[in-house]
PDB file of N, CA and C in Angstrom:
ATOM      1  N   UNK A   1      -5.560  27.369   1.989  1.00  0.00           N
ATOM      2  CA  UNK A   1      -6.241  26.058   1.474  1.00  0.00           C
ATOM      3  C   UNK A   1      -6.364  25.259   2.409  1.00  0.00           C
ATOM      4  N   UNK A   2      -7.096  24.531   2.742  1.00  0.00           N
ATOM      5  CA  UNK A   2      -7.611  23.594   4.013  1.00  0.00           C
ATOM      6  C   UNK A   2      -6.465  22.589   3.681  1.00  0.00           C
ATOM      7  N   UNK A   3      -6.337  21.647   5.039  1.00  0.00           N
ATOM      8  CA  UNK A   3      -5.776  20.161   4.768  1.00  0.00           C
ATOM      9  C   UNK A   3      -6.341  19.260   4.230  1.00  0.00           C
ATOM     10  N   UNK A   4      -7.649  19.384   4.025  1.00  0.00           N
ATOM     11  CA  UNK A   4      -8.123  18.457   2.876  1.00  0.00           C
ATOM     12  C   UNK A   4      -7.907  18.498   1.645  1.00  0.00           C
ATOM     13  N   UNK A   5      -8.206  19.805   1.191  1.00  0.00           N
ATOM     14  CA  UNK A   5      -7.953  20.213   0.044  1.00  0.00           C
ATOM     15  C   UNK A   5      -6.193  20.018  -0.639  1.00  0.00           C
ATOM     16  N   UNK A   6      -5.505  20.195   0.255  1.00  0.00           N
ATOM     17  CA  UNK A   6      -3.933  20.125   0.102  1.00  0.00           C
ATOM     18  C   UNK A   6      -3.789  18.522  -0.152  1.00  0.00           C
ATOM     19  N   UNK A   7      -4.492  17.715   0.776  1.00  0.00           N
ATOM     20  CA  UNK A   7      -4.188  16.093   0.705  1.00  0.00           C
ATOM     21  C   UNK A   7      -4.887  15.790  -0.559  1.00  0.00           C
ATOM     22  N   UNK A   8      -6.006  16.319  -1.020  1.00  0.00           N
ATOM     23  CA  UNK A   8      -6.488  15.807  -2.525  1.00  0.00           C
ATOM     24  C   UNK A   8      -5.649  16.440  -3.647  1.00  0.00           C
ATOM     25  N   UNK A   9      -5.259  17.519  -3.510  1.00  0.00           N
ATOM     26  CA  UNK A   9      -4.173  18.052  -4.730  1.00  0.00           C
ATOM     27  C   UNK A   9      -3.077  17.313  -4.443  1.00  0.00           C
ATOM     28  N   UNK A  10      -2.590  16.893  -3.399  1.00  0.00           N
ATOM     29  CA  UNK A  10      -1.263  15.908  -3.681  1.00  0.00           C
ATOM     30  C   UNK A  10      -1.593  14.518  -4.170  1.00  0.00           C
ATOM     31  N   UNK A  11      -2.762  13.905  -4.410  1.00  0.00           N
ATOM     32  CA  UNK A  11      -3.220  12.554  -4.826  1.00  0.00           C
ATOM     33  C   UNK A  11      -3.613  12.972  -6.048  1.00  0.00           C
ATOM     34  N   UNK A  12      -3.528  13.837  -6.782  1.00  0.00           N
ATOM     35  CA  UNK A  12      -3.948  14.048  -8.146  1.00  0.00           C
ATOM     36  C   UNK A  12      -2.665  14.066  -9.096  1.00  0.00           C
ATOM     37  N   UNK A  13      -2.652  13.656 -10.266  1.00  0.00           N
ATOM     38  CA  UNK A  13      -1.680  13.622 -10.924  1.00  0.00           C
ATOM     39  C   UNK A  13      -2.265  14.352 -12.433  1.00  0.00           C
ATOM     40  N   UNK A  14      -1.367  14.486 -13.466  1.00  0.00           N
ATOM     41  CA  UNK A  14      -1.727  14.920 -14.754  1.00  0.00           C
ATOM     42  C   UNK A  14      -1.582  13.739 -15.900  1.00  0.00           C
ATOM     43  N   UNK A  15      -2.686  13.479 -16.660  1.00  0.00           N
ATOM     44  CA  UNK A  15      -2.396  12.174 -17.713  1.00  0.00           C
ATOM     45  C   UNK A  15      -2.930  13.009 -19.119  1.00  0.00           C
ATOM     46  N   UNK A  16      -2.076  13.236 -19.959  1.00  0.00           N
ATOM     47  CA  UNK A  16      -2.708  13.648 -21.124  1.00  0.00           C
ATOM     48  C   UNK A  16      -3.517  15.053 -20.851  1.00  0.00           C
ATOM     49  N   UNK A  17      -2.942  15.638 -20.100  1.00  0.00           N
ATOM     50  CA  UNK A  17      -3.589  17.101 -19.989  1.00  0.00           C
ATOM     51  C   UNK A  17      -4.958  16.926 -19.058  1.00  0.00           C
ATOM     52  N   UNK A  18      -5.173  15.828 -18.501  1.00  0.00           N
ATOM     53  CA  UNK A  18      -6.263  15.608 -17.636  1.00  0.00           C
ATOM     54  C   UNK A  18      -5.747  15.439 -15.995  1.00  0.00           C
ATOM     55  N   UNK A  19      -6.830  15.861 -15.286  1.00  0.00           N
ATOM     56  CA  UNK A  19      -6.301  15.484 -13.721  1.00  0.00           C
ATOM     57  C   UNK A  19      -6.843  13.942 -13.422  1.00  0.00           C
ATOM     58  N   UNK A  20      -6.108  13.119 -12.731  1.00  0.00           N
ATOM     59  CA  UNK A  20      -6.316  11.578 -12.369  1.00  0.00           C
ATOM     60  C   UNK A  20      -5.838  11.696 -10.934  1.00  0.00           C
ATOM     61  N   UNK A  21      -6.462  10.654 -10.224  1.00  0.00           N
ATOM     62  CA  UNK A  21      -5.786  10.406  -8.966  1.00  0.00           C
ATOM     63  C   UNK A  21      -4.501   9.464  -9.472  1.00  0.00           C
ATOM     64  N   UNK A  22      -3.617   9.704  -8.382  1.00  0.00           N
ATOM     65  CA  UNK A  22      -2.562   8.727  -8.250  1.00  0.00           C
ATOM     66  C   UNK A  22      -2.739   7.424  -8.412  1.00  0.00           C
ATOM     67  N   UNK A  23      -1.846   6.526  -8.754  1.00  0.00           N
ATOM     68  CA  UNK A  23      -2.101   5.257  -8.786  1.00  0.00           C
ATOM     69  C   UNK A  23      -2.529   4.845  -7.341  1.00  0.00           C
ATOM     70  N   UNK A  24      -1.469   5.291  -6.104  1.00  0.00           N
ATOM     71  CA  UNK A  24      -1.868   4.897  -4.755  1.00  0.00           C
ATOM     72  C   UNK A  24      -2.808   5.324  -4.255  1.00  0.00           C
ATOM     73  N   UNK A  25      -3.357   6.402  -4.763  1.00  0.00           N
ATOM     74  CA  UNK A  25      -4.963   7.086  -4.552  1.00  0.00           C
ATOM     75  C   UNK A  25      -6.041   6.077  -4.860  1.00  0.00           C
ATOM     76  N   UNK A  26      -5.570   5.786  -6.070  1.00  0.00           N
ATOM     77  CA  UNK A  26      -6.625   4.754  -6.606  1.00  0.00           C
ATOM     78  C   UNK A  26      -6.818   3.680  -5.557  1.00  0.00           C
ATOM     79  N   UNK A  27      -5.527   2.970  -5.660  1.00  0.00           N
ATOM     80  CA  UNK A  27      -5.789   1.611  -4.878  1.00  0.00           C
ATOM     81  C   UNK A  27      -6.588   1.717  -3.617  1.00  0.00           C
ATOM     82  N   UNK A  28      -5.902   3.016  -2.944  1.00  0.00           N
ATOM     83  CA  UNK A  28      -6.821   3.414  -1.544  1.00  0.00           C
ATOM     84  C   UNK A  28      -8.178   3.625  -1.541  1.00  0.00           C
ATOM     85  N   UNK A  29      -8.727   3.969  -2.638  1.00  0.00           N
ATOM     86  CA  UNK A  29      -9.884   4.149  -2.815  1.00  0.00           C
ATOM     87  C   UNK A  29     -10.616   2.965  -3.037  1.00  0.00           C
ATOM     88  N   UNK A  30     -10.017   2.228  -3.947  1.00  0.00           N
ATOM     89  CA  UNK A  30     -10.546   0.764  -4.179  1.00  0.00           C
ATOM     90  C   UNK A  30     -10.646   0.049  -2.744  1.00  0.00           C
ATOM     91  N   UNK A  31      -9.761  -0.075  -2.149  1.00  0.00           N
ATOM     92  CA  UNK A  31      -9.546  -0.835  -0.907  1.00  0.00           C
ATOM     93  C   UNK A  31     -10.624  -0.555  -0.074  1.00  0.00           C
ATOM     94  N   UNK A  32     -10.867   1.071   0.309  1.00  0.00           N
ATOM     95  CA  UNK A  32     -11.912   1.597   1.020  1.00  0.00           C
ATOM     96  C   UNK A  32     -13.407   1.190   0.740  1.00  0.00           C
ATOM     97  N   UNK A  33     -13.709   1.173  -0.201  1.00  0.00           N
ATOM     98  CA  UNK A  33     -14.998   0.979  -1.132  1.00  0.00           C
ATOM     99  C   UNK A  33     -15.330  -0.779  -0.969  1.00  0.00           C
ATOM    100  N   UNK A  34     -14.233  -1.523  -0.775  1.00  0.00           N
ATOM    101  CA  UNK A  34     -14.395  -2.866  -0.609  1.00  0.00           C
ATOM    102  C   UNK A  34     -14.499  -3.457  -1.789  1.00  0.00           C
ATOM    103  N   UNK A  35     -14.011  -3.161  -3.086  1.00  0.00           N
ATOM    104  CA  UNK A  35     -13.688  -3.808  -4.062  1.00  0.00           C
ATOM    105  C   UNK A  35     -13.465  -5.138  -3.747  1.00  0.00           C
ATOM    106  N   UNK A  36     -13.926  -6.044  -4.783  1.00  0.00           N
ATOM    107  CA  UNK A  36     -13.384  -7.499  -4.810  1.00  0.00           C
ATOM    108  C   UNK A  36     -11.906  -7.613  -4.652  1.00  0.00           C
ATOM    109  N   UNK A  37     -11.664  -8.466  -3.519  1.00  0.00           N
ATOM    110  CA  UNK A  37     -10.114  -8.731  -3.248  1.00  0.00           C
ATOM    111  C   UNK A  37      -9.180  -9.081  -4.663  1.00  0.00           C
ATOM    112  N   UNK A  38      -9.914 -10.080  -5.359  1.00  0.00           N
ATOM    113  CA  UNK A  38      -9.315 -10.385  -6.730  1.00  0.00           C
ATOM    114  C   UNK A  38      -9.072  -9.214  -7.667  1.00  0.00           C
ATOM    115  N   UNK A  39      -9.870  -8.710  -7.719  1.00  0.00           N
ATOM    116  CA  UNK A  39      -9.955  -7.137  -8.427  1.00  0.00           C
ATOM    117  C   UNK A  39      -9.133  -6.403  -8.220  1.00  0.00           C
ATOM    118  N   UNK A  40      -8.736  -5.877  -6.898  1.00  0.00           N
ATOM    119  CA  UNK A  40      -7.851  -5.249  -6.180  1.00  0.00           C
ATOM    120  C   UNK A  40      -6.402  -5.981  -6.454  1.00  0.00           C
ATOM    121  N   UNK A  41      -6.578  -7.217  -6.259  1.00  0.00           N
ATOM    122  CA  UNK A  41      -5.076  -8.021  -6.323  1.00  0.00           C
ATOM    123  C   UNK A  41      -4.432  -7.428  -7.955  1.00  0.00           C
ATOM    124  N   UNK A  42      -5.387  -7.818  -8.975  1.00  0.00           N
ATOM    125  CA  UNK A  42      -5.029  -7.299 -10.285  1.00  0.00           C
ATOM    126  C   UNK A  42      -4.413  -5.833 -10.177  1.00  0.00           C
ATOM    127  N   UNK A  43      -5.216  -4.971  -9.920  1.00  0.00           N
ATOM    128  CA  UNK A  43      -4.867  -3.417 -10.260  1.00  0.00           C
ATOM    129  C   UNK A  43      -3.375  -3.335  -9.480  1.00  0.00           C
ATOM    130  N   UNK A  44      -3.243  -3.873  -7.928  1.00  0.00           N
ATOM    131  CA  UNK A  44      -2.311  -3.479  -7.182  1.00  0.00           C
ATOM    132  C   UNK A  44      -0.981  -4.656  -8.224  1.00  0.00           C
ATOM    133  N   UNK A  45      -1.410  -5.726  -8.895  1.00  0.00           N
ATOM    134  CA  UNK A  45      -0.185  -6.104  -9.570  1.00  0.00           C
ATOM    135  C   UNK A  45       0.120  -5.399 -10.941  1.00  0.00           C
ATOM    136  N   UNK A  46      -0.829  -4.810 -11.442  1.00  0.00           N
ATOM    137  CA  UNK A  46      -0.386  -3.997 -12.455  1.00  0.00           C
ATOM    138  C   UNK A  46       0.448  -2.710 -12.236  1.00  0.00           C
ATOM    139  N   UNK A  47      -0.038  -1.961 -11.135  1.00  0.00           N
ATOM    140  CA  UNK A  47       0.210  -0.939 -10.549  1.00  0.00           C
ATOM    141  C   UNK A  47       2.066  -1.349 -10.297  1.00  0.00           C
ATOM    142  N   UNK A  48       2.136  -2.306  -9.583  1.00  0.00           N
ATOM    143  CA  UNK A  48       3.725  -2.494  -9.318  1.00  0.00           C
ATOM    144  C   UNK A  48       4.315  -2.870 -10.371  1.00  0.00           C
ATOM    145  N   UNK A  49       3.841  -3.510 -11.470  1.00  0.00           N
ATOM    146  CA  UNK A  49       4.414  -3.949 -12.743  1.00  0.00           C
ATOM    147  C   UNK A  49       5.047  -2.653 -13.386  1.00  0.00           C
ATOM    148  N   UNK A  50       3.797  -1.706 -13.412  1.00  0.00           N
ATOM    149  CA  UNK A  50       3.960  -0.475 -14.067  1.00  0.00           C
ATOM    150  C   UNK A  50       5.001   0.554 -13.494  1.00  0.00           C
ATOM    151  N   UNK A  51       5.429   0.244 -12.331  1.00  0.00           N
ATOM    152  CA  UNK A  51       6.524   1.082 -11.850  1.00  0.00           C
ATOM    153  C   UNK A  51       6.056   1.816 -10.529  1.00  0.00           C
ATOM    154  N   UNK A  52       4.797   1.242  -9.888  1.00  0.00           N
ATOM    155  CA  UNK A  52       4.467   1.850  -8.694  1.00  0.00           C
ATOM    156  C   UNK A  52       5.284   1.546  -7.499  1.00  0.00           C
ATOM    157  N   UNK A  53       5.687   2.187  -6.499  1.00  0.00           N
ATOM    158  CA  UNK A  53       6.674   2.127  -5.590  1.00  0.00           C
ATOM    159  C   UNK A  53       5.864   1.046  -4.592  1.00  0.00           C
ATOM    160  N   UNK A  54       6.346  -0.135  -4.098  1.00  0.00           N
ATOM    161  CA  UNK A  54       5.646  -1.008  -3.188  1.00  0.00           C
ATOM    162  C   UNK A  54       5.708  -0.596  -1.879  1.00  0.00           C
ATOM    163  N   UNK A  55       6.429   0.606  -1.347  1.00  0.00           N
ATOM    164  CA  UNK A  55       6.150   1.107  -0.008  1.00  0.00           C
ATOM    165  C   UNK A  55       5.259   2.087  -0.217  1.00  0.00           C
ATOM    166  N   UNK A  56       4.856   2.749  -1.242  1.00  0.00           N
ATOM    167  CA  UNK A  56       3.812   3.876  -1.444  1.00  0.00           C
ATOM    168  C   UNK A  56       2.416   2.887  -1.348  1.00  0.00           C
ATOM    169  N   UNK A  57       2.371   1.901  -2.086  1.00  0.00           N
ATOM    170  CA  UNK A  57       1.291   0.844  -2.382  1.00  0.00           C
ATOM    171  C   UNK A  57       0.849   0.454  -1.023  1.00  0.00           C
ATOM    172  N   UNK A  58       2.197  -0.140  -0.172  1.00  0.00           N
ATOM    173  CA  UNK A  58       1.684  -0.390   1.178  1.00  0.00           C
ATOM    174  C   UNK A  58       0.951   0.337   2.084  1.00  0.00           C
ATOM    175  N   UNK A  59       1.667   1.899   1.955  1.00  0.00           N
ATOM    176  CA  UNK A  59       0.974   2.723   2.638  1.00  0.00           C
ATOM    177  C   UNK A  59      -0.472   3.104   2.387  1.00  0.00           C
ATOM    178  N   UNK A  60      -0.745   3.114   0.938  1.00  0.00           N
ATOM    179  CA  UNK A  60      -1.924   3.170   0.609  1.00  0.00           C
ATOM    180  C   UNK A  60      -3.267   2.254   1.203  1.00  0.00           C
ATOM    181  N   UNK A  61      -2.612   1.029   1.223  1.00  0.00           N
ATOM    182  CA  UNK A  61      -3.364  -0.200   1.885  1.00  0.00           C
ATOM    183  C   UNK A  61      -3.505  -0.177   3.317  1.00  0.00           C
ATOM    184  N   UNK A  62      -2.427   0.517   3.897  1.00  0.00           N
ATOM    185  CA  UNK A  62      -2.492   0.404   5.417  1.00  0.00           C
ATOM    186  C   UNK A  62      -3.895   0.751   6.122  1.00  0.00           C
ATOM    187  N   UNK A  63      -4.796   1.782   5.964  1.00  0.00           N
ATOM    188  CA  UNK A  63      -5.770   2.159   6.456  1.00  0.00           C
ATOM    189  C   UNK A  63      -6.697   0.862   6.596  1.00  0.00           C
ATOM    190  N   UNK A  64      -6.915   0.022   5.513  1.00  0.00           N
ATOM    191  CA  UNK A  64      -7.820  -1.052   5.352  1.00  0.00           C
ATOM    192  C   UNK A  64      -7.592  -2.156   5.547  1.00  0.00           C
ATOM    193  N   UNK A  65      -6.145  -2.529   6.122  1.00  0.00           N
ATOM    194  CA  UNK A  65      -5.490  -3.736   6.302  1.00  0.00           C
ATOM    195  C   UNK A  65      -6.248  -4.762   7.357  1.00  0.00           C
ATOM    196  N   UNK A  66      -6.517  -4.030   8.355  1.00  0.00           N
ATOM    197  CA  UNK A  66      -7.123  -5.105   9.500  1.00  0.00           C
ATOM    198  C   UNK A  66      -8.492  -5.185   8.936  1.00  0.00           C
ATOM    199  N   UNK A  67      -9.118  -4.471   8.077  1.00  0.00           N
ATOM    200  CA  UNK A  67     -10.485  -5.035   7.669  1.00  0.00           C
ATOM    201  C   UNK A  67     -10.420  -6.134   6.919  1.00  0.00           C
ATOM    202  N   UNK A  68      -9.404  -6.709   6.326  1.00  0.00           N
ATOM    203  CA  UNK A  68      -9.123  -7.654   5.529  1.00  0.00           C
ATOM    204  C   UNK A  68      -8.432  -8.732   6.136  1.00  0.00           C
ATOM    205  N   UNK A  69      -7.847  -8.605   7.644  1.00  0.00           N
ATOM    206  CA  UNK A  69      -7.239  -9.508   8.323  1.00  0.00           C
ATOM    207  C   UNK A  69      -5.718  -9.490   8.225  1.00  0.00           C
ATOM    208  N   UNK A  70      -5.089  -8.121   7.644  1.00  0.00           N
ATOM    209  CA  UNK A  70      -3.813  -8.284   7.693  1.00  0.00           C
ATOM    210  C   UNK A  70      -3.101  -7.295   8.746  1.00  0.00           C
ATOM    211  N   UNK A  71      -1.980  -7.696   9.049  1.00  0.00           N
ATOM    212  CA  UNK A  71      -1.557  -6.964  10.357  1.00  0.00           C
ATOM    213  C   UNK A  71      -1.134  -5.322   9.690  1.00  0.00           C
ATOM    214  N   UNK A  72      -0.868  -5.099   8.479  1.00  0.00           N
ATOM    215  CA  UNK A  72      -0.684  -3.929   8.078  1.00  0.00           C
ATOM    216  C   UNK A  72      -0.801  -3.740   6.640  1.00  0.00           C
ATOM    217  N   UNK A  73      -0.271  -2.637   5.956  1.00  0.00           N
ATOM    218  CA  UNK A  73      -0.057  -2.300   4.834  1.00  0.00           C
ATOM    219  C   UNK A  73       0.843  -3.194   3.866  1.00  0.00           C
ATOM    220  N   UNK A  74       1.835  -3.635   4.364  1.00  0.00           N
ATOM    221  CA  UNK A  74       2.772  -4.495   3.899  1.00  0.00           C
ATOM    222  C   UNK A  74       2.103  -6.021   3.513  1.00  0.00           C
ATOM    223  N   UNK A  75       1.736  -6.403   4.793  1.00  0.00           N
ATOM    224  CA  UNK A  75       1.036  -7.616   4.762  1.00  0.00           C
ATOM    225  C   UNK A  75       0.083  -8.079   3.716  1.00  0.00           C
ATOM    226  N   UNK A  76      -0.770  -6.932   3.436  1.00  0.00           N
ATOM    227  CA  UNK A  76      -1.973  -6.901   2.823  1.00  0.00           C
ATOM    228  C   UNK A  76      -1.439  -6.582   1.287  1.00  0.00           C
ATOM    229  N   UNK A  77      -0.289  -6.006   0.974  1.00  0.00           N
ATOM    230  CA  UNK A  77       0.273  -5.785  -0.424  1.00  0.00           C
ATOM    231  C   UNK A  77       0.924  -7.403  -0.791  1.00  0.00           C
ATOM    232  N   UNK A  78       1.403  -7.714   0.199  1.00  0.00           N
ATOM    233  CA  UNK A  78       2.231  -9.205  -0.267  1.00  0.00           C
ATOM    234  C   UNK A  78       0.865 -10.432  -0.566  1.00  0.00           C
ATOM    235  N   UNK A  79      -0.199 -10.225   0.257  1.00  0.00           N
ATOM    236  CA  UNK A  79      -1.402 -11.042  -0.018  1.00  0.00           C
ATOM    237  C   UNK A  79      -2.202 -10.937  -1.086  1.00  0.00           C
ATOM    238  N   UNK A  80      -2.169  -9.561  -1.674  1.00  0.00           N
ATOM    239  CA  UNK A  80      -2.760  -9.336  -2.800  1.00  0.00           C
ATOM    240  C   UNK A  80      -1.775  -9.561  -4.013  1.00  0.00           C
ATOM    241  N   UNK A  81      -0.716  -9.335  -3.964  1.00  0.00           N
ATOM    242  CA  UNK A  81       0.403  -9.855  -4.992  1.00  0.00           C
ATOM    243  C   UNK A  81       0.295 -11.521  -5.010  1.00  0.00           C
ATOM    244  N   UNK A  82       0.385 -12.050  -3.979  1.00  0.00           N
ATOM    245  CA  UNK A  82       0.404 -13.597  -4.105  1.00  0.00           C
ATOM    246  C   UNK A  82      -1.055 -13.927  -4.494  1.00  0.00           C
ATOM    247  N   UNK A  83      -2.249 -13.428  -4.323  1.00  0.00           N
ATOM    248  CA  UNK A  83      -3.346 -13.724  -4.805  1.00  0.00           C
ATOM    249  C   UNK A  83      -3.347 -13.581  -6.412  1.00  0.00           C
ATOM    250  N   UNK A  84      -2.728 -12.509  -6.992  1.00  0.00           N
ATOM    251  CA  UNK A  84      -2.507 -12.103  -8.280  1.00  0.00           C
ATOM    252  C   UNK A  84      -1.430 -12.966  -9.174  1.00  0.00           C
ATOM    253  N   UNK A  85      -0.636 -13.746  -8.338  1.00  0.00           N
ATOM    254  CA  UNK A  85       0.527 -14.629  -8.719  1.00  0.00           C
ATOM    255  C   UNK A  85       1.510 -13.721  -9.188  1.00  0.00           C
ATOM    256  N   UNK A  86       1.773 -12.892  -8.523  1.00  0.00           N
ATOM    257  CA  UNK A  86       3.079 -11.906  -8.697  1.00  0.00           C
ATOM    258  C   UNK A  86       4.237 -12.370  -8.389  1.00  0.00           C
ATOM    259  N   UNK A  87       5.224 -12.686  -9.155  1.00  0.00           N
ATOM    260  CA  UNK A  87       6.416 -13.356  -8.802  1.00  0.00           C
ATOM    261  C   UNK A  87       7.439 -12.135  -9.394  1.00  0.00           C
ATOM    262  N   UNK A  88       7.852 -11.394  -8.272  1.00  0.00           N
ATOM    263  CA  UNK A  88       8.949 -10.489  -8.427  1.00  0.00           C
ATOM    264  C   UNK A  88      10.317 -11.069  -8.847  1.00  0.00           C
ATOM    265  N   UNK A  89      11.097 -10.290  -9.522  1.00  0.00           N
ATOM    266  CA  UNK A  89      12.684 -10.665  -9.590  1.00  0.00           C
ATOM    267  C   UNK A  89      13.149 -10.856  -8.408  1.00  0.00           C
ATOM    268  N   UNK A  90      14.153 -11.670  -8.387  1.00  0.00           N
ATOM    269  CA  UNK A  90      14.725 -11.898  -7.038  1.00  0.00           C
ATOM    270  C   UNK A  90      15.269 -10.449  -6.234  1.00  0.00           C
ATOM    271  N   UNK A  91      15.878  -9.669  -7.049  1.00  0.00           N
ATOM    272  CA  UNK A  91      16.428  -8.348  -6.405  1.00  0.00           C
ATOM    273  C   UNK A  91      15.105  -7.672  -5.590  1.00  0.00           C
ATOM    274  N   UNK A  92      13.996  -7.647  -6.505  1.00  0.00           N
ATOM    275  CA  UNK A  92      12.705  -6.913  -6.000  1.00  0.00           C
ATOM    276  C   UNK A  92      12.426  -7.825  -4.593  1.00  0.00           C
ATOM    277  N   UNK A  93      12.463  -9.238  -4.608  1.00  0.00           N
ATOM    278  CA  UNK A  93      11.830  -9.763  -3.653  1.00  0.00           C
ATOM    279  C   UNK A  93      12.637  -9.717  -2.462  1.00  0.00           C
ATOM    280  N   UNK A  94      13.926  -9.659  -2.445  1.00  0.00           N
ATOM    281  CA  UNK A  94      14.856  -9.341  -1.647  1.00  0.00           C
ATOM    282  C   UNK A  94      14.484  -7.870  -0.955  1.00  0.00           C
ATOM    283  N   UNK A  95      14.454  -6.977  -1.899  1.00  0.00           N
ATOM    284  CA  UNK A  95      14.033  -5.692  -1.408  1.00  0.00           C
ATOM    285  C   UNK A  95      12.737  -5.532  -0.371  1.00  0.00           C
ATOM    286  N   UNK A  96      11.789  -6.224  -0.895  1.00  0.00           N
ATOM    287  CA  UNK A  96      10.570  -6.419  -0.214  1.00  0.00           C
ATOM    288  C   UNK A  96      10.443  -7.016   0.957  1.00  0.00           C
ATOM    289  N   UNK A  97      11.244  -8.100   1.243  1.00  0.00           N
ATOM    290  CA  UNK A  97      11.792  -8.840   2.580  1.00  0.00           C
ATOM    291  C   UNK A  97      12.334  -7.878   3.372  1.00  0.00           C
ATOM    292  N   UNK A  98      13.199  -7.322   3.024  1.00  0.00           N
ATOM    293  CA  UNK A  98      14.423  -6.159   3.968  1.00  0.00           C
ATOM    294  C   UNK A  98      13.356  -5.368   4.445  1.00  0.00           C
ATOM    295  N   UNK A  99      12.330  -4.717   3.465  1.00  0.00           N
ATOM    296  CA  UNK A  99      11.536  -3.457   3.770  1.00  0.00           C
ATOM    297  C   UNK A  99      10.410  -4.374   4.975  1.00  0.00           C
ATOM    298  N   UNK A 100       9.881  -5.458   4.628  1.00  0.00           N
ATOM    299  CA  UNK A 100       9.111  -5.994   5.499  1.00  0.00           C
ATOM    300  C   UNK A 100       9.349  -6.115   6.908  1.00  0.00           C
ATOM    301  N   UNK A 101      10.561  -6.881   7.056  1.00  0.00           N
ATOM    302  CA  UNK A 101      11.510  -6.946   8.094  1.00  0.00           C
ATOM    303  C   UNK A 101      11.830  -5.769   8.866  1.00  0.00           C
ATOM    304  N   UNK A 102      12.187  -4.683   8.289  1.00  0.00           N
ATOM    305  CA  UNK A 102      12.377  -3.180   8.742  1.00  0.00           C
ATOM    306  C   UNK A 102      11.060  -2.914   9.639  1.00  0.00           C
ATOM    307  N   UNK A 103      10.204  -3.166   8.755  1.00  0.00           N
ATOM    308  CA  UNK A 103       8.634  -2.494   9.217  1.00  0.00           C
ATOM    309  C   UNK A 103       8.275  -3.498  10.577  1.00  0.00           C
ATOM    310  N   UNK A 104       8.521  -4.696  10.532  1.00  0.00           N
ATOM    311  CA  UNK A 104       8.140  -5.650  11.908  1.00  0.00           C
ATOM    312  C   UNK A 104       9.280  -5.181  12.877  1.00  0.00           C
ATOM    313  N   UNK A 105      10.096  -4.562  12.751  1.00  0.00           N
ATOM    314  CA  UNK A 105      11.123  -4.187  13.744  1.00  0.00           C
ATOM    315  C   UNK A 105      10.870  -3.000  14.425  1.00  0.00           C
ATOM    316  N   UNK A 106      10.538  -2.126  13.486  1.00  0.00           N
ATOM    317  CA  UNK A 106       9.876  -0.813  13.857  1.00  0.00           C
ATOM    318  C   UNK A 106       8.514  -0.868  14.806  1.00  0.00           C
ATOM    319  N   UNK A 107       7.743  -2.039  14.111  1.00  0.00           N
ATOM    320  CA  UNK A 107       6.363  -1.847  14.955  1.00  0.00           C
ATOM    321  C   UNK A 107       6.579  -2.465  16.253  1.00  0.00           C
ATOM    322  N   UNK A 108       7.497  -3.497  16.406  1.00  0.00           N
ATOM    323  CA  UNK A 108       7.769  -3.993  17.618  1.00  0.00           C
ATOM    324  C   UNK A 108       8.294  -2.976  18.515  1.00  0.00           C
ATOM    325  N   UNK A 109       9.210  -2.331  18.164  1.00  0.00           N
ATOM    326  CA  UNK A 109       9.976  -1.089  19.030  1.00  0.00           C
ATOM    327  C   UNK A 109       8.924  -0.065  19.148  1.00  0.00           C
ATOM    328  N   UNK A 110       7.524   0.490  18.395  1.00  0.00           N
ATOM    329  CA  UNK A 110       6.575   1.363  18.839  1.00  0.00           C
ATOM    330  C   UNK A 110       5.971   0.781  19.966  1.00  0.00           C
ATOM    331  N   UNK A 111       5.642  -0.629  19.762  1.00  0.00           N
ATOM    332  CA  UNK A 111       4.800  -1.408  20.577  1.00  0.00           C
ATOM    333  C   UNK A 111       5.388  -1.371  22.050  1.00  0.00           C
ATOM    334  N   UNK A 112       6.641  -1.698  22.095  1.00  0.00           N
ATOM    335  CA  UNK A 112       7.400  -1.833  23.420  1.00  0.00           C
ATOM    336  C   UNK A 112       7.508  -0.579  24.070  1.00  0.00           C
ATOM    337  N   UNK A 113       7.642   0.538  23.063  1.00  0.00           N
ATOM    338  CA  UNK A 113       7.603   1.869  23.566  1.00  0.00           C
ATOM    339  C   UNK A 113       6.322   2.436  24.447  1.00  0.00           C
ATOM    340  N   UNK A 114       5.331   2.010  23.497  1.00  0.00           N
ATOM    341  CA  UNK A 114       4.049   2.588  24.252  1.00  0.00           C
ATOM    342  C   UNK A 114       3.450   1.737  25.381  1.00  0.00           C
ATOM    343  N   UNK A 115       4.348   0.450  25.363  1.00  0.00           N
ATOM    344  CA  UNK A 115       4.057  -0.270  26.634  1.00  0.00           C
ATOM    345  C   UNK A 115       4.693  -0.044  27.846  1.00  0.00           C
ATOM    346  N   UNK A 116       5.713   0.660  27.571  1.00  0.00           N
ATOM    347  CA  UNK A 116       6.465   1.264  28.715  1.00  0.00           C
ATOM    348  C   UNK A 116       5.978   2.471  29.123  1.00  0.00           C
ATOM    349  N   UNK A 117       5.170   3.097  28.287  1.00  0.00           N
ATOM    350  CA  UNK A 117       4.603   4.631  28.853  1.00  0.00           C
ATOM    351  C   UNK A 117       3.226   4.389  29.269  1.00  0.00           C
ATOM    352  N   UNK A 118       2.777   2.999  29.269  1.00  0.00           N
ATOM    353  CA  UNK A 118       1.148   3.183  29.625  1.00  0.00           C
ATOM    354  C   UNK A 118       1.209   2.902  31.124  1.00  0.00           C
TER     355      UNK A 118
END
């Protein structure tokens, strides 16, 4: 099986006996085709409210983040949630902040590492 076929199969789930793309894949596809950002914000809001993982949604948004003026998938996710008026519970907000801080530290470390090797 090819790598592409494996990736496609990984992005499919089953609902009522029918194959459908995962929430994350749907979000990634909508961002890739340039859907109106207000609509995408609503989709992301609903996805998170339905139990989709914030880190997986951020990963799905990562490839298109710069296109929409964001430094990464996490920043893009936060902007979309803000646009949708999403207010997570305090525990969720703290978790998202910690994740965001950890990602910023990781990106800074990667940048420093690549700068040393240049």
